[in-house]
PDB file of N, CA and C in Angstrom:
ATOM      1  N   MET A   1     122.814 182.294 120.575  1.00  0.00           N
ATOM      2  CA  MET A   1     123.325 180.983 120.204  1.00  0.00           C
ATOM      3  C   MET A   1     123.158 180.793 118.700  1.00  0.00           C
ATOM      4  N   LYS A   2     124.242 180.432 118.025  1.00  0.00           N
ATOM      5  CA  LYS A   2     124.155 180.222 116.585  1.00  0.00           C
ATOM      6  C   LYS A   2     123.504 178.886 116.277  1.00  0.00           C
ATOM      7  N   ASP A   3     122.904 178.796 115.084  1.00  0.00           N
ATOM      8  CA  ASP A   3     122.264 177.561 114.655  1.00  0.00           C
ATOM      9  C   ASP A   3     123.353 176.565 114.263  1.00  0.00           C
ATOM     10  N   SER A   4     123.353 175.381 114.860  1.00  0.00           N
ATOM     11  CA  SER A   4     124.378 174.385 114.556  1.00  0.00           C
ATOM     12  C   SER A   4     123.848 173.268 113.666  1.00  0.00           C
ATOM     13  N   VAL A   5     122.740 173.552 112.981  1.00  0.00           N
ATOM     14  CA  VAL A   5     122.152 172.575 112.066  1.00  0.00           C
ATOM     15  C   VAL A   5     122.048 173.203 110.687  1.00  0.00           C
ATOM     16  N   TYR A   6     122.406 172.434 109.667  1.00  0.00           N
ATOM     17  CA  TYR A   6     122.269 172.886 108.285  1.00  0.00           C
ATOM     18  C   TYR A   6     121.585 171.773 107.510  1.00  0.00           C
ATOM     19  N   VAL A   7     120.562 172.104 106.766  1.00  0.00           N
ATOM     20  CA  VAL A   7     119.869 171.140 105.914  1.00  0.00           C
ATOM     21  C   VAL A   7     119.966 171.647 104.486  1.00  0.00           C
ATOM     22  N   GLY A   8     120.369 170.797 103.567  1.00  0.00           N
ATOM     23  CA  GLY A   8     120.519 171.231 102.181  1.00  0.00           C
ATOM     24  C   GLY A   8     120.444 170.069 101.223  1.00  0.00           C
ATOM     25  N   ASN A   9     120.774 170.343  99.972  1.00  0.00           N
ATOM     26  CA  ASN A   9     120.808 169.353  98.907  1.00  0.00           C
ATOM     27  C   ASN A   9     122.213 169.354  98.324  1.00  0.00           C
ATOM     28  N   ALA A  10     122.848 168.197  98.288  1.00  0.00           N
ATOM     29  CA  ALA A  10     124.230 168.114  97.815  1.00  0.00           C
ATOM     30  C   ALA A  10     124.381 168.659  96.404  1.00  0.00           C
ATOM     31  N   GLY A  11     123.467 168.316  95.514  1.00  0.00           N
ATOM     32  CA  GLY A  11     123.556 168.791  94.136  1.00  0.00           C
ATOM     33  C   GLY A  11     123.478 170.297  94.030  1.00  0.00           C
ATOM     34  N   GLU A  12     122.598 170.901  94.791  1.00  0.00           N
ATOM     35  CA  GLU A  12     122.444 172.362  94.759  1.00  0.00           C
ATOM     36  C   GLU A  12     123.590 173.065  95.482  1.00  0.00           C
ATOM     37  N   ASP A  13     123.931 172.601  96.677  1.00  0.00           N
ATOM     38  CA  ASP A  13     124.980 173.250  97.459  1.00  0.00           C
ATOM     39  C   ASP A  13     126.356 173.087  96.830  1.00  0.00           C
ATOM     40  N   ALA A  14     126.588 171.959  96.174  1.00  0.00           N
ATOM     41  CA  ALA A  14     127.892 171.699  95.560  1.00  0.00           C
ATOM     42  C   ALA A  14     128.226 172.739  94.497  1.00  0.00           C
ATOM     43  N   ALA A  15     127.215 173.220  93.803  1.00  0.00           N
ATOM     44  CA  ALA A  15     127.439 174.205  92.739  1.00  0.00           C
ATOM     45  C   ALA A  15     127.973 175.528  93.283  1.00  0.00           C
ATOM     46  N   LEU A  16     127.834 175.760  94.574  1.00  0.00           N
ATOM     47  CA  LEU A  16     128.251 177.030  95.165  1.00  0.00           C
ATOM     48  C   LEU A  16     129.734 177.084  95.514  1.00  0.00           C
ATOM     49  N   ASP A  17     130.394 175.934  95.656  1.00  0.00           N
ATOM     50  CA  ASP A  17     131.786 175.921  96.119  1.00  0.00           C
ATOM     51  C   ASP A  17     132.573 174.788  95.478  1.00  0.00           C
ATOM     52  N   ARG A  18     132.550 174.707  94.129  1.00  0.00           N
ATOM     53  CA  ARG A  18     133.301 173.714  93.364  1.00  0.00           C
ATOM     54  C   ARG A  18     133.063 172.295  93.855  1.00  0.00           C
ATOM     55  N   GLY A  19     131.876 172.021  94.372  1.00  0.00           N
ATOM     56  CA  GLY A  19     131.529 170.679  94.796  1.00  0.00           C
ATOM     57  C   GLY A  19     131.704 170.406  96.283  1.00  0.00           C
ATOM     58  N   TRP A  20     132.459 171.243  96.955  1.00  0.00           N
ATOM     59  CA  TRP A  20     132.760 170.990  98.362  1.00  0.00           C
ATOM     60  C   TRP A  20     131.595 171.387  99.253  1.00  0.00           C
ATOM     61  N   LEU A  21     131.203 170.464 100.123  1.00  0.00           N
ATOM     62  CA  LEU A  21     130.068 170.663 101.023  1.00  0.00           C
ATOM     63  C   LEU A  21     130.499 170.979 102.444  1.00  0.00           C
ATOM     64  N   LEU A  22     131.665 170.506 102.841  1.00  0.00           N
ATOM     65  CA  LEU A  22     132.109 170.644 104.219  1.00  0.00           C
ATOM     66  C   LEU A  22     133.620 170.742 104.243  1.00  0.00           C
ATOM     67  N   GLY A  23     134.157 171.652 105.033  1.00  0.00           N
ATOM     68  CA  GLY A  23     135.603 171.778 105.152  1.00  0.00           C
ATOM     69  C   GLY A  23     136.029 173.118 105.698  1.00  0.00           C
ATOM     70  N   HIS A  24     137.342 173.336 105.739  1.00  0.00           N
ATOM     71  CA  HIS A  24     137.902 174.561 106.323  1.00  0.00           C
ATOM     72  C   HIS A  24     137.475 175.815 105.562  1.00  0.00           C
ATOM     73  N   PHE A  25     137.096 175.681 104.294  1.00  0.00           N
ATOM     74  CA  PHE A  25     136.804 176.815 103.419  1.00  0.00           C
ATOM     75  C   PHE A  25     135.422 177.416 103.642  1.00  0.00           C
ATOM     76  N   LYS A  26     134.575 176.796 104.436  1.00  0.00           N
ATOM     77  CA  LYS A  26     133.270 177.380 104.784  1.00  0.00           C
ATOM     78  C   LYS A  26     133.481 178.404 105.892  1.00  0.00           C
ATOM     79  N   ASP A  27     132.605 179.398 105.969  1.00  0.00           N
ATOM     80  CA  ASP A  27     132.715 180.416 107.011  1.00  0.00           C
ATOM     81  C   ASP A  27     132.736 179.769 108.391  1.00  0.00           C
ATOM     82  N   ALA A  28     133.498 180.344 109.289  1.00  0.00           N
ATOM     83  CA  ALA A  28     133.670 179.770 110.624  1.00  0.00           C
ATOM     84  C   ALA A  28     132.359 179.621 111.386  1.00  0.00           C
ATOM     85  N   ASP A  29     131.374 180.465 111.109  1.00  0.00           N
ATOM     86  CA  ASP A  29     130.096 180.365 111.820  1.00  0.00           C
ATOM     87  C   ASP A  29     129.095 179.455 111.100  1.00  0.00           C
ATOM     88  N   ASP A  30     129.509 178.805 110.019  1.00  0.00           N
ATOM     89  CA  ASP A  30     128.664 177.883 109.257  1.00  0.00           C
ATOM     90  C   ASP A  30     128.818 176.484 109.854  1.00  0.00           C
ATOM     91  N   PRO A  31     127.736 175.755 110.118  1.00  0.00           N
ATOM     92  CA  PRO A  31     127.866 174.404 110.659  1.00  0.00           C
ATOM     93  C   PRO A  31     128.671 173.461 109.763  1.00  0.00           C
ATOM     94  N   ARG A  32     128.864 173.826 108.494  1.00  0.00           N
ATOM     95  CA  ARG A  32     129.641 172.991 107.567  1.00  0.00           C
ATOM     96  C   ARG A  32     131.136 173.283 107.615  1.00  0.00           C
ATOM     97  N   HIS A  33     131.541 174.223 108.447  1.00  0.00           N
ATOM     98  CA  HIS A  33     132.974 174.513 108.616  1.00  0.00           C
ATOM     99  C   HIS A  33     133.615 173.375 109.404  1.00  0.00           C
ATOM    100  N   SER A  34     134.736 172.869 108.905  1.00  0.00           N
ATOM    101  CA  SER A  34     135.461 171.807 109.602  1.00  0.00           C
ATOM    102  C   SER A  34     136.931 171.874 109.230  1.00  0.00           C
ATOM    103  N   GLU A  35     137.773 171.751 110.218  1.00  0.00           N
ATOM    104  CA  GLU A  35     139.203 171.623 109.958  1.00  0.00           C
ATOM    105  C   GLU A  35     139.629 170.168 110.066  1.00  0.00           C
ATOM    106  N   ALA A  36     138.664 169.298 110.384  1.00  0.00           N
ATOM    107  CA  ALA A  36     138.960 167.878 110.543  1.00  0.00           C
ATOM    108  C   ALA A  36     138.733 167.093 109.261  1.00  0.00           C
ATOM    109  N   VAL A  37     137.736 167.501 108.452  1.00  0.00           N
ATOM    110  CA  VAL A  37     137.355 166.703 107.292  1.00  0.00           C
ATOM    111  C   VAL A  37     136.782 167.605 106.203  1.00  0.00           C
ATOM    112  N   GLU A  38     136.872 167.144 104.955  1.00  0.00           N
ATOM    113  CA  GLU A  38     136.255 167.818 103.810  1.00  0.00           C
ATOM    114  C   GLU A  38     135.384 166.799 103.084  1.00  0.00           C
ATOM    115  N   ILE A  39     134.231 167.247 102.584  1.00  0.00           N
ATOM    116  CA  ILE A  39     133.332 166.374 101.836  1.00  0.00           C
ATOM    117  C   ILE A  39     132.929 167.083 100.547  1.00  0.00           C
ATOM    118  N   LYS A  40     133.019 166.354  99.451  1.00  0.00           N
ATOM    119  CA  LYS A  40     132.706 166.917  98.140  1.00  0.00           C
ATOM    120  C   LYS A  40     131.696 166.042  97.409  1.00  0.00           C
ATOM    121  N   TRP A  41     130.715 166.686  96.786  1.00  0.00           N
ATOM    122  CA  TRP A  41     129.769 166.036  95.884  1.00  0.00           C
ATOM    123  C   TRP A  41     130.233 166.410  94.488  1.00  0.00           C
ATOM    124  N   GLY A  42     130.944 165.514  93.833  1.00  0.00           N
ATOM    125  CA  GLY A  42     131.529 165.823  92.532  1.00  0.00           C
ATOM    126  C   GLY A  42     130.664 165.342  91.387  1.00  0.00           C
ATOM    127  N   VAL A  43     130.237 166.263  90.547  1.00  0.00           N
ATOM    128  CA  VAL A  43     129.463 165.939  89.348  1.00  0.00           C
ATOM    129  C   VAL A  43     130.369 166.200  88.154  1.00  0.00           C
ATOM    130  N   HIS A  44     130.672 165.156  87.402  1.00  0.00           N
ATOM    131  CA  HIS A  44     131.657 165.242  86.326  1.00  0.00           C
ATOM    132  C   HIS A  44     131.061 164.811  84.999  1.00  0.00           C
ATOM    133  N   PRO A  45     131.111 165.670  83.974  1.00  0.00           N
ATOM    134  CA  PRO A  45     130.668 165.253  82.647  1.00  0.00           C
ATOM    135  C   PRO A  45     131.633 164.208  82.081  1.00  0.00           C
ATOM    136  N   ARG A  46     131.155 163.452  81.117  1.00  0.00           N
ATOM    137  CA  ARG A  46     132.007 162.464  80.452  1.00  0.00           C
ATOM    138  C   ARG A  46     133.282 163.142  79.960  1.00  0.00           C
ATOM    139  N   ALA A  47     134.418 162.489  80.153  1.00  0.00           N
ATOM    140  CA  ALA A  47     135.743 162.932  79.710  1.00  0.00           C
ATOM    141  C   ALA A  47     136.327 164.055  80.564  1.00  0.00           C
ATOM    142  N   ASP A  48     135.657 164.465  81.630  1.00  0.00           N
ATOM    143  CA  ASP A  48     136.228 165.446  82.554  1.00  0.00           C
ATOM    144  C   ASP A  48     137.437 164.795  83.220  1.00  0.00           C
ATOM    145  N   GLU A  49     138.523 165.542  83.316  1.00  0.00           N
ATOM    146  CA  GLU A  49     139.705 164.995  83.967  1.00  0.00           C
ATOM    147  C   GLU A  49     140.411 166.071  84.778  1.00  0.00           C
ATOM    148  N   ARG A  50     141.149 165.648  85.776  1.00  0.00           N
ATOM    149  CA  ARG A  50     141.901 166.589  86.598  1.00  0.00           C
ATOM    150  C   ARG A  50     143.011 167.168  85.733  1.00  0.00           C
ATOM    151  N   SER A  51     143.214 168.472  85.822  1.00  0.00           N
ATOM    152  CA  SER A  51     144.178 169.141  84.940  1.00  0.00           C
ATOM    153  C   SER A  51     145.625 168.778  85.266  1.00  0.00           C
ATOM    154  N   GLN A  52     145.889 168.393  86.496  1.00  0.00           N
ATOM    155  CA  GLN A  52     147.244 168.026  86.887  1.00  0.00           C
ATOM    156  C   GLN A  52     147.185 167.068  88.072  1.00  0.00           C
ATOM    157  N   TRP A  53     148.211 166.261  88.223  1.00  0.00           N
ATOM    158  CA  TRP A  53     148.275 165.333  89.349  1.00  0.00           C
ATOM    159  C   TRP A  53     148.409 166.112  90.647  1.00  0.00           C
ATOM    160  N   VAL A  54     147.812 165.589  91.698  1.00  0.00           N
ATOM    161  CA  VAL A  54     148.056 166.105  93.045  1.00  0.00           C
ATOM    162  C   VAL A  54     149.343 165.446  93.506  1.00  0.00           C
ATOM    163  N   ARG A  55     150.314 166.252  93.882  1.00  0.00           N
ATOM    164  CA  ARG A  55     151.614 165.739  94.324  1.00  0.00           C
ATOM    165  C   ARG A  55     151.868 166.200  95.752  1.00  0.00           C
ATOM    166  N   GLY A  56     152.489 165.349  96.537  1.00  0.00           N
ATOM    167  CA  GLY A  56     152.791 165.696  97.919  1.00  0.00           C
ATOM    168  C   GLY A  56     151.539 165.760  98.786  1.00  0.00           C
ATOM    169  N   GLU A  57     150.594 164.884  98.527  1.00  0.00           N
ATOM    170  CA  GLU A  57     149.332 164.864  99.264  1.00  0.00           C
ATOM    171  C   GLU A  57     149.568 164.745 100.771  1.00  0.00           C
ATOM    172  N   GLU A  58     148.862 165.567 101.533  1.00  0.00           N
ATOM    173  CA  GLU A  58     148.989 165.546 102.988  1.00  0.00           C
ATOM    174  C   GLU A  58     147.755 164.979 103.676  1.00  0.00           C
ATOM    175  N   ARG A  59     146.784 164.518 102.886  1.00  0.00           N
ATOM    176  CA  ARG A  59     145.540 164.039 103.477  1.00  0.00           C
ATOM    177  C   ARG A  59     145.296 162.584 103.103  1.00  0.00           C
ATOM    178  N   THR A  60     144.379 161.965 103.815  1.00  0.00           N
ATOM    179  CA  THR A  60     143.839 160.662 103.451  1.00  0.00           C
ATOM    180  C   THR A  60     142.532 160.944 102.729  1.00  0.00           C
ATOM    181  N   ALA A  61     142.211 160.145 101.717  1.00  0.00           N
ATOM    182  CA  ALA A  61     140.998 160.384 100.940  1.00  0.00           C
ATOM    183  C   ALA A  61     140.229 159.093 100.710  1.00  0.00           C
ATOM    184  N   LEU A  62     138.910 159.243 100.659  1.00  0.00           N
ATOM    185  CA  LEU A  62     137.982 158.170 100.316  1.00  0.00           C
ATOM    186  C   LEU A  62     137.120 158.709  99.185  1.00  0.00           C
ATOM    187  N   LEU A  63     137.057 157.988  98.069  1.00  0.00           N
ATOM    188  CA  LEU A  63     136.241 158.400  96.936  1.00  0.00           C
ATOM    189  C   LEU A  63     135.254 157.271  96.644  1.00  0.00           C
ATOM    190  N   VAL A  64     133.939 157.586  96.677  1.00  0.00           N
ATOM    191  CA  VAL A  64     132.882 156.600  96.478  1.00  0.00           C
ATOM    192  C   VAL A  64     132.100 156.946  95.215  1.00  0.00           C
ATOM    193  N   LEU A  65     131.917 155.970  94.339  1.00  0.00           N
ATOM    194  CA  LEU A  65     131.139 156.176  93.125  1.00  0.00           C
ATOM    195  C   LEU A  65     129.647 156.113  93.446  1.00  0.00           C
ATOM    196  N   VAL A  66     128.926 157.180  93.105  1.00  0.00           N
ATOM    197  CA  VAL A  66     127.477 157.219  93.247  1.00  0.00           C
ATOM    198  C   VAL A  66     126.840 156.742  91.943  1.00  0.00           C
ATOM    199  N   SER A  67     127.346 157.260  90.816  1.00  0.00           N
ATOM    200  CA  SER A  67     126.854 156.839  89.509  1.00  0.00           C
ATOM    201  C   SER A  67     127.929 157.106  88.462  1.00  0.00           C
ATOM    202  N   GLY A  68     127.837 156.385  87.348  1.00  0.00           N
ATOM    203  CA  GLY A  68     128.759 156.594  86.233  1.00  0.00           C
ATOM    204  C   GLY A  68     129.890 155.592  86.210  1.00  0.00           C
ATOM    205  N   ARG A  69     131.011 156.029  85.647  1.00  0.00           N
ATOM    206  CA  ARG A  69     132.226 155.210  85.498  1.00  0.00           C
ATOM    207  C   ARG A  69     133.380 156.173  85.658  1.00  0.00           C
ATOM    208  N   PHE A  70     134.203 155.980  86.678  1.00  0.00           N
ATOM    209  CA  PHE A  70     135.199 156.957  87.092  1.00  0.00           C
ATOM    210  C   PHE A  70     136.528 156.254  87.355  1.00  0.00           C
ATOM    211  N   ARG A  71     137.586 156.782  86.777  1.00  0.00           N
ATOM    212  CA  ARG A  71     138.919 156.187  86.929  1.00  0.00           C
ATOM    213  C   ARG A  71     139.793 157.079  87.806  1.00  0.00           C
ATOM    214  N   VAL A  72     140.440 156.466  88.782  1.00  0.00           N
ATOM    215  CA  VAL A  72     141.394 157.164  89.649  1.00  0.00           C
ATOM    216  C   VAL A  72     142.776 156.632  89.312  1.00  0.00           C
ATOM    217  N   GLU A  73     143.671 157.546  89.009  1.00  0.00           N
ATOM    218  CA  GLU A  73     145.052 157.185  88.684  1.00  0.00           C
ATOM    219  C   GLU A  73     145.917 157.399  89.918  1.00  0.00           C
ATOM    220  N   LEU A  74     146.654 156.356  90.284  1.00  0.00           N
ATOM    221  CA  LEU A  74     147.577 156.390  91.410  1.00  0.00           C
ATOM    222  C   LEU A  74     148.939 155.950  90.888  1.00  0.00           C
ATOM    223  N   PRO A  75     150.013 156.246  91.570  1.00  0.00           N
ATOM    224  CA  PRO A  75     151.325 155.842  91.074  1.00  0.00           C
ATOM    225  C   PRO A  75     151.389 154.329  90.836  1.00  0.00           C
ATOM    226  N   GLY A  76     151.616 153.944  89.598  1.00  0.00           N
ATOM    227  CA  GLY A  76     151.739 152.541  89.245  1.00  0.00           C
ATOM    228  C   GLY A  76     150.446 151.750  89.261  1.00  0.00           C
ATOM    229  N   ARG A  77     149.315 152.458  89.368  1.00  0.00           N
ATOM    230  CA  ARG A  77     148.038 151.733  89.466  1.00  0.00           C
ATOM    231  C   ARG A  77     146.894 152.597  88.973  1.00  0.00           C
ATOM    232  N   SER A  78     145.977 151.978  88.234  1.00  0.00           N
ATOM    233  CA  SER A  78     144.773 152.645  87.771  1.00  0.00           C
ATOM    234  C   SER A  78     143.583 151.895  88.362  1.00  0.00           C
ATOM    235  N   VAL A  79     142.685 152.622  89.030  1.00  0.00           N
ATOM    236  CA  VAL A  79     141.527 151.999  89.682  1.00  0.00           C
ATOM    237  C   VAL A  79     140.269 152.463  88.968  1.00  0.00           C
ATOM    238  N   LEU A  80     139.478 151.504  88.470  1.00  0.00           N
ATOM    239  CA  LEU A  80     138.232 151.824  87.786  1.00  0.00           C
ATOM    240  C   LEU A  80     137.063 151.588  88.738  1.00  0.00           C
ATOM    241  N   LEU A  81     136.278 152.636  88.975  1.00  0.00           N
ATOM    242  CA  LEU A  81     135.061 152.541  89.772  1.00  0.00           C
ATOM    243  C   LEU A  81     133.919 152.495  88.770  1.00  0.00           C
ATOM    244  N   GLU A  82     133.188 151.376  88.719  1.00  0.00           N
ATOM    245  CA  GLU A  82     132.168 151.225  87.688  1.00  0.00           C
ATOM    246  C   GLU A  82     130.816 150.767  88.209  1.00  0.00           C
ATOM    247  N   LYS A  83     130.751 150.336  89.461  1.00  0.00           N
ATOM    248  CA  LYS A  83     129.494 149.878  90.054  1.00  0.00           C
ATOM    249  C   LYS A  83     129.175 150.785  91.239  1.00  0.00           C
ATOM    250  N   GLN A  84     127.927 151.216  91.349  1.00  0.00           N
ATOM    251  CA  GLN A  84     127.542 152.093  92.449  1.00  0.00           C
ATOM    252  C   GLN A  84     128.059 151.528  93.765  1.00  0.00           C
ATOM    253  N   GLY A  85     128.735 152.372  94.525  1.00  0.00           N
ATOM    254  CA  GLY A  85     129.297 151.948  95.801  1.00  0.00           C
ATOM    255  C   GLY A  85     130.754 151.543  95.735  1.00  0.00           C
ATOM    256  N   ASP A  86     131.316 151.345  94.511  1.00  0.00           N
ATOM    257  CA  ASP A  86     132.750 151.074  94.408  1.00  0.00           C
ATOM    258  C   ASP A  86     133.491 152.256  95.017  1.00  0.00           C
ATOM    259  N   TYR A  87     134.584 151.974  95.719  1.00  0.00           N
ATOM    260  CA  TYR A  87     135.342 153.064  96.316  1.00  0.00           C
ATOM    261  C   TYR A  87     136.822 152.736  96.374  1.00  0.00           C
ATOM    262  N   VAL A  88     137.605 153.784  96.585  1.00  0.00           N
ATOM    263  CA  VAL A  88     139.047 153.658  96.737  1.00  0.00           C
ATOM    264  C   VAL A  88     139.467 154.602  97.866  1.00  0.00           C
ATOM    265  N   VAL A  89     140.439 154.171  98.640  1.00  0.00           N
ATOM    266  CA  VAL A  89     140.999 154.967  99.725  1.00  0.00           C
ATOM    267  C   VAL A  89     142.495 155.060  99.497  1.00  0.00           C
ATOM    268  N   TRP A  90     143.057 156.248  99.666  1.00  0.00           N
ATOM    269  CA  TRP A  90     144.512 156.379  99.613  1.00  0.00           C
ATOM    270  C   TRP A  90     144.947 157.281 100.747  1.00  0.00           C
ATOM    271  N   GLY A  91     146.169 157.095 101.170  1.00  0.00           N
ATOM    272  CA  GLY A  91     146.679 157.807 102.339  1.00  0.00           C
ATOM    273  C   GLY A  91     147.638 158.926 102.004  1.00  0.00           C
ATOM    274  N   ARG A  92     148.159 159.516 103.048  1.00  0.00           N
ATOM    275  CA  ARG A  92     149.120 160.619 102.913  1.00  0.00           C
ATOM    276  C   ARG A  92     150.286 160.190 102.047  1.00  0.00           C
ATOM    277  N   GLY A  93     150.719 161.121 101.216  1.00  0.00           N
ATOM    278  CA  GLY A  93     151.873 160.866 100.371  1.00  0.00           C
ATOM    279  C   GLY A  93     151.573 160.173  99.060  1.00  0.00           C
ATOM    280  N   VAL A  94     150.308 159.817  98.807  1.00  0.00           N
ATOM    281  CA  VAL A  94     149.953 159.130  97.557  1.00  0.00           C
ATOM    282  C   VAL A  94     149.466 160.158  96.534  1.00  0.00           C
ATOM    283  N   ASP A  95     150.238 160.348  95.476  1.00  0.00           N
ATOM    284  CA  ASP A  95     149.843 161.255  94.394  1.00  0.00           C
ATOM    285  C   ASP A  95     148.642 160.649  93.669  1.00  0.00           C
ATOM    286  N   HIS A  96     147.848 161.513  93.012  1.00  0.00           N
ATOM    287  CA  HIS A  96     146.688 160.980  92.303  1.00  0.00           C
ATOM    288  C   HIS A  96     146.167 161.942  91.249  1.00  0.00           C
ATOM    289  N   SER A  97     145.359 161.388  90.361  1.00  0.00           N
ATOM    290  CA  SER A  97     144.627 162.132  89.350  1.00  0.00           C
ATOM    291  C   SER A  97     143.368 161.333  89.048  1.00  0.00           C
ATOM    292  N   TRP A  98     142.501 161.846  88.164  1.00  0.00           N
ATOM    293  CA  TRP A  98     141.254 161.143  87.849  1.00  0.00           C
ATOM    294  C   TRP A  98     140.721 161.522  86.485  1.00  0.00           C
ATOM    295  N   LEU A  99     139.792 160.659  85.995  1.00  0.00           N
ATOM    296  CA  LEU A  99     139.131 160.859  84.712  1.00  0.00           C
ATOM    297  C   LEU A  99     137.727 160.267  84.799  1.00  0.00           C
ATOM    298  N   ALA A 100     136.720 161.037  84.378  1.00  0.00           N
ATOM    299  CA  ALA A 100     135.351 160.522  84.301  1.00  0.00           C
ATOM    300  C   ALA A 100     135.177 159.855  82.946  1.00  0.00           C
ATOM    301  N   GLU A 101     135.134 158.527  82.916  1.00  0.00           N
ATOM    302  CA  GLU A 101     134.964 157.806  81.652  1.00  0.00           C
ATOM    303  C   GLU A 101     133.536 157.942  81.132  1.00  0.00           C
ATOM    304  N   GLU A 102     132.591 158.114  82.036  1.00  0.00           N
ATOM    305  CA  GLU A 102     131.194 158.414  81.720  1.00  0.00           C
ATOM    306  C   GLU A 102     130.780 159.560  82.637  1.00  0.00           C
ATOM    307  N   GLU A 103     129.639 160.192  82.346  1.00  0.00           N
ATOM    308  CA  GLU A 103     129.112 161.176  83.284  1.00  0.00           C
ATOM    309  C   GLU A 103     129.044 160.503  84.652  1.00  0.00           C
ATOM    310  N   SER A 104     129.622 161.140  85.666  1.00  0.00           N
ATOM    311  CA  SER A 104     129.767 160.492  86.966  1.00  0.00           C
ATOM    312  C   SER A 104     129.452 161.424  88.111  1.00  0.00           C
ATOM    313  N   VAL A 105     128.976 160.829  89.195  1.00  0.00           N
ATOM    314  CA  VAL A 105     128.821 161.521  90.467  1.00  0.00           C
ATOM    315  C   VAL A 105     129.642 160.734  91.477  1.00  0.00           C
ATOM    316  N   VAL A 106     130.536 161.433  92.177  1.00  0.00           N
ATOM    317  CA  VAL A 106     131.377 160.795  93.184  1.00  0.00           C
ATOM    318  C   VAL A 106     131.331 161.599  94.472  1.00  0.00           C
ATOM    319  N   LEU A 107     131.365 160.905  95.576  1.00  0.00           N
ATOM    320  CA  LEU A 107     131.430 161.524  96.889  1.00  0.00           C
ATOM    321  C   LEU A 107     132.847 161.344  97.398  1.00  0.00           C
ATOM    322  N   THR A 108     133.510 162.454  97.700  1.00  0.00           N
ATOM    323  CA  THR A 108     134.880 162.397  98.196  1.00  0.00           C
ATOM    324  C   THR A 108     134.907 162.906  99.636  1.00  0.00           C
ATOM    325  N   VAL A 109     135.572 162.155 100.483  1.00  0.00           N
ATOM    326  CA  VAL A 109     135.804 162.562 101.868  1.00  0.00           C
ATOM    327  C   VAL A 109     137.312 162.560 102.048  1.00  0.00           C
ATOM    328  N   ARG A 110     137.863 163.666 102.543  1.00  0.00           N
ATOM    329  CA  ARG A 110     139.296 163.685 102.804  1.00  0.00           C
ATOM    330  C   ARG A 110     139.555 164.372 104.142  1.00  0.00           C
ATOM    331  N   TRP A 111     140.626 163.930 104.775  1.00  0.00           N
ATOM    332  CA  TRP A 111     140.940 164.446 106.098  1.00  0.00           C
ATOM    333  C   TRP A 111     142.438 164.452 106.311  1.00  0.00           C
ATOM    334  N   PRO A 112     142.934 165.416 107.097  1.00  0.00           N
ATOM    335  CA  PRO A 112     142.229 166.583 107.642  1.00  0.00           C
ATOM    336  C   PRO A 112     141.958 167.613 106.542  1.00  0.00           C
ATOM    337  N   SER A 113     141.235 168.660 106.900  1.00  0.00           N
ATOM    338  CA  SER A 113     140.943 169.739 105.952  1.00  0.00           C
ATOM    339  C   SER A 113     142.110 170.717 105.971  1.00  0.00           C
ATOM    340  N   VAL A 114     142.902 170.689 104.896  1.00  0.00           N
ATOM    341  CA  VAL A 114     144.136 171.468 104.829  1.00  0.00           C
ATOM    342  C   VAL A 114     144.007 172.566 103.781  1.00  0.00           C
ATOM    343  N   PRO A 115     144.144 173.835 104.158  1.00  0.00           N
ATOM    344  CA  PRO A 115     144.084 174.919 103.172  1.00  0.00           C
ATOM    345  C   PRO A 115     145.209 174.809 102.140  1.00  0.00           C
ATOM    346  N   GLY A 116     144.929 175.321 100.937  1.00  0.00           N
ATOM    347  CA  GLY A 116     145.979 175.459  99.948  1.00  0.00           C
ATOM    348  C   GLY A 116     146.010 174.425  98.845  1.00  0.00           C
ATOM    349  N   TYR A 117     144.985 173.606  98.704  1.00  0.00           N
ATOM    350  CA  TYR A 117     145.015 172.564  97.691  1.00  0.00           C
ATOM    351  C   TYR A 117     144.139 172.846  96.486  1.00  0.00           C
ATOM    352  N   ALA A 118     143.515 173.990  96.412  1.00  0.00           N
ATOM    353  CA  ALA A 118     142.618 174.281  95.288  1.00  0.00           C
ATOM    354  C   ALA A 118     143.418 174.488  94.010  1.00  0.00           C
ATOM    355  N   VAL A 119     142.908 173.950  92.919  1.00  0.00           N
ATOM    356  CA  VAL A 119     143.498 174.178  91.601  1.00  0.00           C
ATOM    357  C   VAL A 119     142.944 175.497  91.090  1.00  0.00           C
ATOM    358  N   ALA A 120     143.813 176.364  90.586  1.00  0.00           N
ATOM    359  CA  ALA A 120     143.376 177.648  90.050  1.00  0.00           C
ATOM    360  C   ALA A 120     142.371 177.437  88.935  1.00  0.00           C
ATOM    361  N   GLU A 121     141.382 178.326  88.837  1.00  0.00           N
ATOM    362  CA  GLU A 121     140.321 178.184  87.829  1.00  0.00           C
ATOM    363  C   GLU A 121     140.886 178.007  86.431  1.00  0.00           C
ATOM    364  N   GLU A 122     141.927 178.755  86.075  1.00  0.00           N
ATOM    365  CA  GLU A 122     142.456 178.657  84.722  1.00  0.00           C
ATOM    366  C   GLU A 122     143.160 177.313  84.489  1.00  0.00           C
ATOM    367  N   ASP A 123     143.518 176.585  85.563  1.00  0.00           N
ATOM    368  CA  ASP A 123     144.173 175.292  85.437  1.00  0.00           C
ATOM    369  C   ASP A 123     143.207 174.129  85.559  1.00  0.00           C
ATOM    370  N   ARG A 124     141.942 174.422  85.830  1.00  0.00           N
ATOM    371  CA  ARG A 124     140.946 173.354  86.006  1.00  0.00           C
ATOM    372  C   ARG A 124     140.743 172.619  84.697  1.00  0.00           C
ATOM    373  N   ALA A 125     140.469 171.354  84.806  1.00  0.00           N
ATOM    374  CA  ALA A 125     140.296 170.507  83.618  1.00  0.00           C
ATOM    375  C   ALA A 125     139.055 170.900  82.839  1.00  0.00           C
ATOM    376  N   GLN A 126     139.137 170.723  81.561  1.00  0.00           N
ATOM    377  CA  GLN A 126     138.006 170.907  80.667  1.00  0.00           C
ATOM    378  C   GLN A 126     137.710 169.550  80.055  1.00  0.00           C
ATOM    379  N   PRO A 127     136.444 169.240  79.808  1.00  0.00           N
ATOM    380  CA  PRO A 127     136.131 167.949  79.190  1.00  0.00           C
ATOM    381  C   PRO A 127     136.837 167.812  77.841  1.00  0.00           C
ATOM    382  N   ARG A 128     137.285 166.609  77.573  1.00  0.00           N
ATOM    383  CA  ARG A 128     137.902 166.329  76.266  1.00  0.00           C
ATOM    384  C   ARG A 128     136.806 166.279  75.219  1.00  0.00           C
ATOM    385  N   THR A 129     137.156 166.616  74.007  1.00  0.00           N
ATOM    386  CA  THR A 129     136.193 166.530  72.911  1.00  0.00           C
ATOM    387  C   THR A 129     136.613 165.466  71.926  1.00  0.00           C
TER     388      THR A 129
END
């Protein structure tokens, strides 16, 4: 019988898989493997921004501010998360991007867990100077 319990630290584990803690991309025998949901512990330096908009989104997402000041860009709307616990939810078909106005930690939950949405390393955002 495989172990169906995993205990870890979000900050440490996030560094191993671009921030993602749970989702389809974990090994099938890992208790963190899920095709239903993905969870990310995002640690963003000041001025970190997404390199390109997500277009044709097929998932619903919830983004919760843990610390910092974080802006989410949506079509025709900019949402500023500035108080711990501020959050935004968007559904299927809503394009989006983001910018860390201050060093920020955000928890993202999105569902379902759909393969194929990773941004290539060379296209990943670099902090602005």
